[in-house]
PDB file of N, CA and C in Angstrom:
ATOM      1  N   MET A   1      24.043 -26.378  37.430  1.00  0.00           N
ATOM      2  CA  MET A   1      23.469 -25.138  36.961  1.00  0.00           C
ATOM      3  C   MET A   1      23.610 -25.011  35.442  1.00  0.00           C
ATOM      4  N   ALA A   2      24.820 -25.256  34.922  1.00  0.00           N
ATOM      5  CA  ALA A   2      25.066 -25.151  33.492  1.00  0.00           C
ATOM      6  C   ALA A   2      24.295 -26.218  32.732  1.00  0.00           C
ATOM      7  N   ARG A   3      24.181 -27.394  33.365  1.00  0.00           N
ATOM      8  CA  ARG A   3      23.463 -28.487  32.722  1.00  0.00           C
ATOM      9  C   ARG A   3      21.976 -28.144  32.563  1.00  0.00           C
ATOM     10  N   ARG A   4      21.416 -27.522  33.579  1.00  0.00           N
ATOM     11  CA  ARG A   4      20.005 -27.118  33.506  1.00  0.00           C
ATOM     12  C   ARG A   4      19.795 -26.057  32.436  1.00  0.00           C
ATOM     13  N   THR A   5      20.734 -25.156  32.311  1.00  0.00           N
ATOM     14  CA  THR A   5      20.649 -24.100  31.302  1.00  0.00           C
ATOM     15  C   THR A   5      20.716 -24.686  29.898  1.00  0.00           C
ATOM     16  N   VAL A   6      21.607 -25.649  29.704  1.00  0.00           N
ATOM     17  CA  VAL A   6      21.730 -26.302  28.402  1.00  0.00           C
ATOM     18  C   VAL A   6      20.465 -27.078  28.084  1.00  0.00           C
ATOM     19  N   LYS A   7      19.921 -27.802  29.070  1.00  0.00           N
ATOM     20  CA  LYS A   7      18.683 -28.555  28.842  1.00  0.00           C
ATOM     21  C   LYS A   7      17.516 -27.615  28.542  1.00  0.00           C
ATOM     22  N   ALA A   8      17.450 -26.497  29.241  1.00  0.00           N
ATOM     23  CA  ALA A   8      16.382 -25.526  28.982  1.00  0.00           C
ATOM     24  C   ALA A   8      16.513 -24.940  27.585  1.00  0.00           C
ATOM     25  N   ALA A   9      17.746 -24.640  27.168  1.00  0.00           N
ATOM     26  CA  ALA A   9      17.965 -24.117  25.816  1.00  0.00           C
ATOM     27  C   ALA A   9      17.588 -25.156  24.768  1.00  0.00           C
ATOM     28  N   ALA A  10      17.915 -26.438  25.032  1.00  0.00           N
ATOM     29  CA  ALA A  10      17.568 -27.509  24.088  1.00  0.00           C
ATOM     30  C   ALA A  10      16.057 -27.649  23.987  1.00  0.00           C
ATOM     31  N   ARG A  11      15.362 -27.592  25.117  1.00  0.00           N
ATOM     32  CA  ARG A  11      13.887 -27.671  25.086  1.00  0.00           C
ATOM     33  C   ARG A  11      13.294 -26.488  24.330  1.00  0.00           C
ATOM     34  N   HIS A  12      13.885 -25.324  24.546  1.00  0.00           N
ATOM     35  CA  HIS A  12      13.390 -24.127  23.857  1.00  0.00           C
ATOM     36  C   HIS A  12      13.597 -24.247  22.343  1.00  0.00           C
ATOM     37  N   MET A  13      14.750 -24.766  21.909  1.00  0.00           N
ATOM     38  CA  MET A  13      15.011 -24.939  20.476  1.00  0.00           C
ATOM     39  C   MET A  13      14.074 -25.970  19.868  1.00  0.00           C
ATOM     40  N   GLU A  14      13.799 -27.049  20.604  1.00  0.00           N
ATOM     41  CA  GLU A  14      12.861 -28.048  20.097  1.00  0.00           C
ATOM     42  C   GLU A  14      11.469 -27.454  19.984  1.00  0.00           C
ATOM     43  N   GLY A  15      11.085 -26.668  20.959  1.00  0.00           N
ATOM     44  CA  GLY A  15       9.766 -26.035  20.919  1.00  0.00           C
ATOM     45  C   GLY A  15       9.645 -25.024  19.802  1.00  0.00           C
ATOM     46  N   ALA A  16      10.750 -24.359  19.465  1.00  0.00           N
ATOM     47  CA  ALA A  16      10.734 -23.354  18.397  1.00  0.00           C
ATOM     48  C   ALA A  16      10.922 -23.993  17.026  1.00  0.00           C
ATOM     49  N   ASN A  17      11.066 -25.312  16.988  1.00  0.00           N
ATOM     50  CA  ASN A  17      11.236 -26.036  15.723  1.00  0.00           C
ATOM     51  C   ASN A  17      12.479 -25.543  14.977  1.00  0.00           C
ATOM     52  N   PHE A  18      13.540 -25.342  15.716  1.00  0.00           N
ATOM     53  CA  PHE A  18      14.787 -24.817  15.158  1.00  0.00           C
ATOM     54  C   PHE A  18      15.394 -25.769  14.129  1.00  0.00           C
ATOM     55  N   ALA A  19      15.262 -27.075  14.352  1.00  0.00           N
ATOM     56  CA  ALA A  19      15.837 -28.049  13.417  1.00  0.00           C
ATOM     57  C   ALA A  19      15.169 -27.941  12.046  1.00  0.00           C
ATOM     58  N   GLU A  20      13.855 -27.790  12.037  1.00  0.00           N
ATOM     59  CA  GLU A  20      13.134 -27.654  10.761  1.00  0.00           C
ATOM     60  C   GLU A  20      13.528 -26.360  10.056  1.00  0.00           C
ATOM     61  N   TYR A  21      13.708 -25.302  10.831  1.00  0.00           N
ATOM     62  CA  TYR A  21      14.129 -24.026  10.252  1.00  0.00           C
ATOM     63  C   TYR A  21      15.517 -24.145   9.633  1.00  0.00           C
ATOM     64  N   ALA A  22      16.434 -24.801  10.328  1.00  0.00           N
ATOM     65  CA  ALA A  22      17.794 -24.984   9.798  1.00  0.00           C
ATOM     66  C   ALA A  22      17.767 -25.829   8.531  1.00  0.00           C
ATOM     67  N   ARG A  23      16.933 -26.866   8.506  1.00  0.00           N
ATOM     68  CA  ARG A  23      16.802 -27.710   7.315  1.00  0.00           C
ATOM     69  C   ARG A  23      16.237 -26.894   6.141  1.00  0.00           C
ATOM     70  N   LEU A  24      15.316 -26.012   6.437  1.00  0.00           N
ATOM     71  CA  LEU A  24      14.706 -25.184   5.402  1.00  0.00           C
ATOM     72  C   LEU A  24      15.718 -24.187   4.828  1.00  0.00           C
ATOM     73  N   ILE A  25      16.523 -23.610   5.679  1.00  0.00           N
ATOM     74  CA  ILE A  25      17.543 -22.656   5.222  1.00  0.00           C
ATOM     75  C   ILE A  25      18.590 -23.354   4.344  1.00  0.00           C
ATOM     76  N   ASN A  26      18.867 -24.608   4.622  1.00  0.00           N
ATOM     77  CA  ASN A  26      19.877 -25.338   3.860  1.00  0.00           C
ATOM     78  C   ASN A  26      19.370 -25.863   2.526  1.00  0.00           C
ATOM     79  N   SER A  27      18.075 -25.768   2.272  1.00  0.00           N
ATOM     80  CA  SER A  27      17.545 -26.204   0.968  1.00  0.00           C
ATOM     81  C   SER A  27      16.783 -25.031   0.336  1.00  0.00           C
ATOM     82  N   PRO A  28      17.470 -24.221  -0.458  1.00  0.00           N
ATOM     83  CA  PRO A  28      16.839 -23.007  -0.999  1.00  0.00           C
ATOM     84  C   PRO A  28      15.668 -23.289  -1.939  1.00  0.00           C
ATOM     85  N   TRP A  29      15.717 -24.385  -2.683  1.00  0.00           N
ATOM     86  CA  TRP A  29      14.592 -24.682  -3.591  1.00  0.00           C
ATOM     87  C   TRP A  29      13.327 -24.983  -2.817  1.00  0.00           C
ATOM     88  N   ARG A  30      13.447 -25.666  -1.690  1.00  0.00           N
ATOM     89  CA  ARG A  30      12.274 -25.935  -0.840  1.00  0.00           C
ATOM     90  C   ARG A  30      11.738 -24.615  -0.263  1.00  0.00           C
ATOM     91  N   LEU A  31      12.643 -23.730   0.129  1.00  0.00           N
ATOM     92  CA  LEU A  31      12.240 -22.427   0.647  1.00  0.00           C
ATOM     93  C   LEU A  31      11.494 -21.623  -0.417  1.00  0.00           C
ATOM     94  N   ILE A  32      12.014 -21.633  -1.641  1.00  0.00           N
ATOM     95  CA  ILE A  32      11.349 -20.929  -2.745  1.00  0.00           C
ATOM     96  C   ILE A  32       9.982 -21.528  -3.011  1.00  0.00           C
ATOM     97  N   TRP A  33       9.890 -22.849  -3.031  1.00  0.00           N
ATOM     98  CA  TRP A  33       8.621 -23.532  -3.293  1.00  0.00           C
ATOM     99  C   TRP A  33       7.587 -23.200  -2.213  1.00  0.00           C
ATOM    100  N   LEU A  34       7.997 -23.247  -0.951  1.00  0.00           N
ATOM    101  CA  LEU A  34       7.062 -22.949   0.135  1.00  0.00           C
ATOM    102  C   LEU A  34       6.610 -21.487   0.092  1.00  0.00           C
ATOM    103  N   ASN A  35       7.531 -20.578  -0.233  1.00  0.00           N
ATOM    104  CA  ASN A  35       7.146 -19.168  -0.353  1.00  0.00           C
ATOM    105  C   ASN A  35       6.214 -18.938  -1.534  1.00  0.00           C
ATOM    106  N   LEU A  36       6.429 -19.660  -2.629  1.00  0.00           N
ATOM    107  CA  LEU A  36       5.533 -19.554  -3.783  1.00  0.00           C
ATOM    108  C   LEU A  36       4.131 -20.033  -3.423  1.00  0.00           C
ATOM    109  N   LEU A  37       4.055 -21.163  -2.738  1.00  0.00           N
ATOM    110  CA  LEU A  37       2.748 -21.672  -2.315  1.00  0.00           C
ATOM    111  C   LEU A  37       2.064 -20.716  -1.342  1.00  0.00           C
ATOM    112  N   ALA A  38       2.833 -20.187  -0.392  1.00  0.00           N
ATOM    113  CA  ALA A  38       2.257 -19.258   0.587  1.00  0.00           C
ATOM    114  C   ALA A  38       1.763 -17.987  -0.102  1.00  0.00           C
ATOM    115  N   GLY A  39       2.526 -17.468  -1.047  1.00  0.00           N
ATOM    116  CA  GLY A  39       2.117 -16.266  -1.768  1.00  0.00           C
ATOM    117  C   GLY A  39       0.874 -16.495  -2.609  1.00  0.00           C
ATOM    118  N   THR A  40       0.800 -17.670  -3.244  1.00  0.00           N
ATOM    119  CA  THR A  40      -0.379 -18.004  -4.043  1.00  0.00           C
ATOM    120  C   THR A  40      -1.616 -18.105  -3.155  1.00  0.00           C
ATOM    121  N   ALA A  41      -1.480 -18.787  -2.023  1.00  0.00           N
ATOM    122  CA  ALA A  41      -2.608 -18.919  -1.101  1.00  0.00           C
ATOM    123  C   ALA A  41      -3.037 -17.555  -0.567  1.00  0.00           C
ATOM    124  N   ARG A  42      -2.076 -16.696  -0.274  1.00  0.00           N
ATOM    125  CA  ARG A  42      -2.396 -15.360   0.212  1.00  0.00           C
ATOM    126  C   ARG A  42      -3.137 -14.563  -0.867  1.00  0.00           C
ATOM    127  N   GLY A  43      -2.680 -14.665  -2.111  1.00  0.00           N
ATOM    128  CA  GLY A  43      -3.331 -13.953  -3.207  1.00  0.00           C
ATOM    129  C   GLY A  43      -4.757 -14.431  -3.440  1.00  0.00           C
ATOM    130  N   ILE A  44      -4.955 -15.736  -3.389  1.00  0.00           N
ATOM    131  CA  ILE A  44      -6.305 -16.282  -3.560  1.00  0.00           C
ATOM    132  C   ILE A  44      -7.201 -15.831  -2.415  1.00  0.00           C
ATOM    133  N   GLY A  45      -6.663 -15.828  -1.206  1.00  0.00           N
ATOM    134  CA  GLY A  45      -7.437 -15.375  -0.050  1.00  0.00           C
ATOM    135  C   GLY A  45      -7.845 -13.919  -0.172  1.00  0.00           C
ATOM    136  N   ILE A  46      -6.917 -13.087  -0.647  1.00  0.00           N
ATOM    137  CA  ILE A  46      -7.234 -11.671  -0.842  1.00  0.00           C
ATOM    138  C   ILE A  46      -8.318 -11.516  -1.903  1.00  0.00           C
ATOM    139  N   ALA A  47      -8.218 -12.277  -2.996  1.00  0.00           N
ATOM    140  CA  ALA A  47      -9.210 -12.183  -4.077  1.00  0.00           C
ATOM    141  C   ALA A  47     -10.590 -12.602  -3.582  1.00  0.00           C
ATOM    142  N   ILE A  48     -10.660 -13.692  -2.829  1.00  0.00           N
ATOM    143  CA  ILE A  48     -11.947 -14.149  -2.306  1.00  0.00           C
ATOM    144  C   ILE A  48     -12.502 -13.135  -1.312  1.00  0.00           C
ATOM    145  N   GLY A  49     -11.650 -12.628  -0.444  1.00  0.00           N
ATOM    146  CA  GLY A  49     -12.097 -11.628   0.532  1.00  0.00           C
ATOM    147  C   GLY A  49     -12.608 -10.368  -0.131  1.00  0.00           C
ATOM    148  N   PHE A  50     -11.888  -9.884  -1.145  1.00  0.00           N
ATOM    149  CA  PHE A  50     -12.335  -8.685  -1.851  1.00  0.00           C
ATOM    150  C   PHE A  50     -13.654  -8.936  -2.576  1.00  0.00           C
ATOM    151  N   THR A  51     -13.829 -10.134  -3.121  1.00  0.00           N
ATOM    152  CA  THR A  51     -15.080 -10.463  -3.809  1.00  0.00           C
ATOM    153  C   THR A  51     -16.253 -10.393  -2.855  1.00  0.00           C
ATOM    154  N   PHE A  52     -16.099 -10.979  -1.663  1.00  0.00           N
ATOM    155  CA  PHE A  52     -17.178 -10.915  -0.669  1.00  0.00           C
ATOM    156  C   PHE A  52     -17.423  -9.478  -0.219  1.00  0.00           C
ATOM    157  N   PHE A  53     -16.355  -8.714  -0.032  1.00  0.00           N
ATOM    158  CA  PHE A  53     -16.493  -7.321   0.383  1.00  0.00           C
ATOM    159  C   PHE A  53     -17.224  -6.508  -0.683  1.00  0.00           C
ATOM    160  N   ALA A  54     -16.813  -6.645  -1.940  1.00  0.00           N
ATOM    161  CA  ALA A  54     -17.442  -5.894  -3.028  1.00  0.00           C
ATOM    162  C   ALA A  54     -18.900  -6.309  -3.201  1.00  0.00           C
ATOM    163  N   ALA A  55     -19.181  -7.608  -3.084  1.00  0.00           N
ATOM    164  CA  ALA A  55     -20.565  -8.072  -3.209  1.00  0.00           C
ATOM    165  C   ALA A  55     -21.429  -7.492  -2.103  1.00  0.00           C
ATOM    166  N   THR A  56     -20.883  -7.402  -0.899  1.00  0.00           N
ATOM    167  CA  THR A  56     -21.641  -6.827   0.218  1.00  0.00           C
ATOM    168  C   THR A  56     -21.919  -5.353  -0.020  1.00  0.00           C
ATOM    169  N   ILE A  57     -20.926  -4.617  -0.494  1.00  0.00           N
ATOM    170  CA  ILE A  57     -21.123  -3.185  -0.779  1.00  0.00           C
ATOM    171  C   ILE A  57     -22.167  -2.995  -1.876  1.00  0.00           C
ATOM    172  N   ILE A  58     -22.079  -3.802  -2.926  1.00  0.00           N
ATOM    173  CA  ILE A  58     -23.060  -3.689  -4.023  1.00  0.00           C
ATOM    174  C   ILE A  58     -24.459  -4.020  -3.527  1.00  0.00           C
ATOM    175  N   TYR A  59     -24.580  -5.037  -2.691  1.00  0.00           N
ATOM    176  CA  TYR A  59     -25.890  -5.403  -2.138  1.00  0.00           C
ATOM    177  C   TYR A  59     -26.458  -4.258  -1.302  1.00  0.00           C
ATOM    178  N   ILE A  60     -25.612  -3.653  -0.467  1.00  0.00           N
ATOM    179  CA  ILE A  60     -26.072  -2.538   0.369  1.00  0.00           C
ATOM    180  C   ILE A  60     -26.506  -1.368  -0.503  1.00  0.00           C
ATOM    181  N   LEU A  61     -25.753  -1.076  -1.548  1.00  0.00           N
ATOM    182  CA  LEU A  61     -26.132   0.010  -2.461  1.00  0.00           C
ATOM    183  C   LEU A  61     -27.451  -0.287  -3.176  1.00  0.00           C
ATOM    184  N   GLN A  62     -27.677  -1.550  -3.539  1.00  0.00           N
ATOM    185  CA  GLN A  62     -28.943  -1.916  -4.175  1.00  0.00           C
ATOM    186  C   GLN A  62     -30.110  -1.731  -3.215  1.00  0.00           C
ATOM    187  N   VAL A  63     -29.902  -2.124  -1.964  1.00  0.00           N
ATOM    188  CA  VAL A  63     -30.967  -1.953  -0.966  1.00  0.00           C
ATOM    189  C   VAL A  63     -31.249  -0.470  -0.752  1.00  0.00           C
ATOM    190  N   LEU A  64     -30.192   0.344  -0.654  1.00  0.00           N
ATOM    191  CA  LEU A  64     -30.384   1.780  -0.484  1.00  0.00           C
ATOM    192  C   LEU A  64     -31.061   2.405  -1.707  1.00  0.00           C
ATOM    193  N   GLY A  65     -30.726   1.904  -2.885  1.00  0.00           N
ATOM    194  CA  GLY A  65     -31.373   2.401  -4.099  1.00  0.00           C
ATOM    195  C   GLY A  65     -32.842   2.037  -4.145  1.00  0.00           C
ATOM    196  N   ALA A  66     -33.178   0.854  -3.631  1.00  0.00           N
ATOM    197  CA  ALA A  66     -34.581   0.428  -3.617  1.00  0.00           C
ATOM    198  C   ALA A  66     -35.398   1.243  -2.621  1.00  0.00           C
ATOM    199  N   LEU A  67     -34.760   1.773  -1.592  1.00  0.00           N
ATOM    200  CA  LEU A  67     -35.471   2.604  -0.612  1.00  0.00           C
ATOM    201  C   LEU A  67     -35.841   3.959  -1.178  1.00  0.00           C
ATOM    202  N   ASN A  68     -35.174   4.334  -2.273  1.00  0.00           N
ATOM    203  CA  ASN A  68     -35.439   5.598  -2.966  1.00  0.00           C
ATOM    204  C   ASN A  68     -35.294   6.787  -2.016  1.00  0.00           C
ATOM    205  N   LEU A  69     -34.183   6.825  -1.315  1.00  0.00           N
ATOM    206  CA  LEU A  69     -33.899   7.949  -0.434  1.00  0.00           C
ATOM    207  C   LEU A  69     -33.515   9.159  -1.265  1.00  0.00           C
ATOM    208  N   PRO A  70     -34.014  10.340  -0.920  1.00  0.00           N
ATOM    209  CA  PRO A  70     -33.788  11.515  -1.773  1.00  0.00           C
ATOM    210  C   PRO A  70     -32.313  11.871  -1.947  1.00  0.00           C
ATOM    211  N   ILE A  71     -31.544  11.877  -0.884  1.00  0.00           N
ATOM    212  CA  ILE A  71     -30.142  12.310  -0.980  1.00  0.00           C
ATOM    213  C   ILE A  71     -29.347  11.307  -1.809  1.00  0.00           C
ATOM    214  N   ILE A  72     -29.489  10.026  -1.492  1.00  0.00           N
ATOM    215  CA  ILE A  72     -28.750   8.992  -2.204  1.00  0.00           C
ATOM    216  C   ILE A  72     -29.254   8.877  -3.638  1.00  0.00           C
ATOM    217  N   GLY A  73     -30.562   9.017  -3.826  1.00  0.00           N
ATOM    218  CA  GLY A  73     -31.130   8.952  -5.170  1.00  0.00           C
ATOM    219  C   GLY A  73     -30.603  10.061  -6.065  1.00  0.00           C
ATOM    220  N   ASP A  74     -30.504  11.269  -5.524  1.00  0.00           N
ATOM    221  CA  ASP A  74     -29.957  12.389  -6.300  1.00  0.00           C
ATOM    222  C   ASP A  74     -28.495  12.142  -6.649  1.00  0.00           C
ATOM    223  N   TYR A  75     -27.758  11.628  -5.709  1.00  0.00           N
ATOM    224  CA  TYR A  75     -26.335  11.351  -5.939  1.00  0.00           C
ATOM    225  C   TYR A  75     -26.163  10.303  -7.042  1.00  0.00           C
ATOM    226  N   ILE A  76     -26.963   9.233  -6.972  1.00  0.00           N
ATOM    227  CA  ILE A  76     -26.891   8.179  -7.990  1.00  0.00           C
ATOM    228  C   ILE A  76     -27.336   8.725  -9.344  1.00  0.00           C
ATOM    229  N   ALA A  77     -28.373   9.581  -9.355  1.00  0.00           N
ATOM    230  CA  ALA A  77     -28.832  10.179 -10.615  1.00  0.00           C
ATOM    231  C   ALA A  77     -27.740  11.048 -11.225  1.00  0.00           C
ATOM    232  N   ASP A  78     -27.010  11.787 -10.389  1.00  0.00           N
ATOM    233  CA  ASP A  78     -25.905  12.598 -10.907  1.00  0.00           C
ATOM    234  C   ASP A  78     -24.829  11.719 -11.536  1.00  0.00           C
ATOM    235  N   ILE A  79     -24.524  10.615 -10.886  1.00  0.00           N
ATOM    236  CA  ILE A  79     -23.514   9.699 -11.424  1.00  0.00           C
ATOM    237  C   ILE A  79     -23.975   9.136 -12.763  1.00  0.00           C
ATOM    238  N   VAL A  80     -25.258   8.772 -12.862  1.00  0.00           N
ATOM    239  CA  VAL A  80     -25.797   8.232 -14.111  1.00  0.00           C
ATOM    240  C   VAL A  80     -25.721   9.277 -15.212  1.00  0.00           C
ATOM    241  N   ARG A  81     -26.069  10.527 -14.890  1.00  0.00           N
ATOM    242  CA  ARG A  81     -25.991  11.591 -15.897  1.00  0.00           C
ATOM    243  C   ARG A  81     -24.560  11.812 -16.377  1.00  0.00           C
ATOM    244  N   ILE A  82     -23.626  11.812 -15.459  1.00  0.00           N
ATOM    245  CA  ILE A  82     -22.221  12.001 -15.828  1.00  0.00           C
ATOM    246  C   ILE A  82     -21.750  10.874 -16.745  1.00  0.00           C
ATOM    247  N   VAL A  83     -22.122   9.647 -16.405  1.00  0.00           N
ATOM    248  CA  VAL A  83     -21.715   8.499 -17.224  1.00  0.00           C
ATOM    249  C   VAL A  83     -22.353   8.574 -18.601  1.00  0.00           C
ATOM    250  N   GLN A  84     -23.646   8.924 -18.658  1.00  0.00           N
ATOM    251  CA  GLN A  84     -24.320   9.028 -19.950  1.00  0.00           C
ATOM    252  C   GLN A  84     -23.696  10.128 -20.814  1.00  0.00           C
ATOM    253  N   ARG A  85     -23.390  11.249 -20.198  1.00  0.00           N
ATOM    254  CA  ARG A  85     -22.766  12.344 -20.933  1.00  0.00           C
ATOM    255  C   ARG A  85     -21.405  11.912 -21.481  1.00  0.00           C
ATOM    256  N   GLN A  86     -20.649  11.208 -20.666  1.00  0.00           N
ATOM    257  CA  GLN A  86     -19.331  10.732 -21.091  1.00  0.00           C
ATOM    258  C   GLN A  86     -19.467   9.727 -22.235  1.00  0.00           C
ATOM    259  N   LEU A  87     -20.466   8.859 -22.166  1.00  0.00           N
ATOM    260  CA  LEU A  87     -20.680   7.881 -23.238  1.00  0.00           C
ATOM    261  C   LEU A  87     -21.071   8.577 -24.541  1.00  0.00           C
ATOM    262  N   GLN A  88     -21.863   9.645 -24.438  1.00  0.00           N
ATOM    263  CA  GLN A  88     -22.245  10.379 -25.656  1.00  0.00           C
ATOM    264  C   GLN A  88     -21.039  11.078 -26.264  1.00  0.00           C
ATOM    265  N   LEU A  89     -20.154  11.597 -25.430  1.00  0.00           N
ATOM    266  CA  LEU A  89     -18.953  12.265 -25.953  1.00  0.00           C
ATOM    267  C   LEU A  89     -18.008  11.255 -26.596  1.00  0.00           C
ATOM    268  N   ASP A  90     -17.965  10.048 -26.082  1.00  0.00           N
ATOM    269  CA  ASP A  90     -17.064   9.037 -26.632  1.00  0.00           C
ATOM    270  C   ASP A  90     -17.529   8.518 -27.982  1.00  0.00           C
ATOM    271  N   THR A  91     -18.817   8.607 -28.289  1.00  0.00           N
ATOM    272  CA  THR A  91     -19.309   8.061 -29.552  1.00  0.00           C
ATOM    273  C   THR A  91     -19.026   8.991 -30.723  1.00  0.00           C
ATOM    274  N   TYR A  92     -18.723  10.263 -30.465  1.00  0.00           N
ATOM    275  CA  TYR A  92     -18.463  11.203 -31.559  1.00  0.00           C
ATOM    276  C   TYR A  92     -17.044  11.236 -31.935  1.00  0.00           C
TER     277      TYR A  92
END
């Protein structure tokens, strides 16, 4: 019974890659390097994802602007007027 429990625990540790985790904990520079690489990859992924998201939103706004819908057109015209007014105030 105890032997089966020990073998099951050993199989579970091998499956969980416990040896690699222990090796990683014992080498802090490798841990720092892997975390730096993971953080960089995550940051690049976020930047690419945001770029695609922003491009999609801009494309949708351009399509809506081309449709010349009254409500959206008035809203965009108000934004343009506000920006123009602000630019005129900044030049003085």
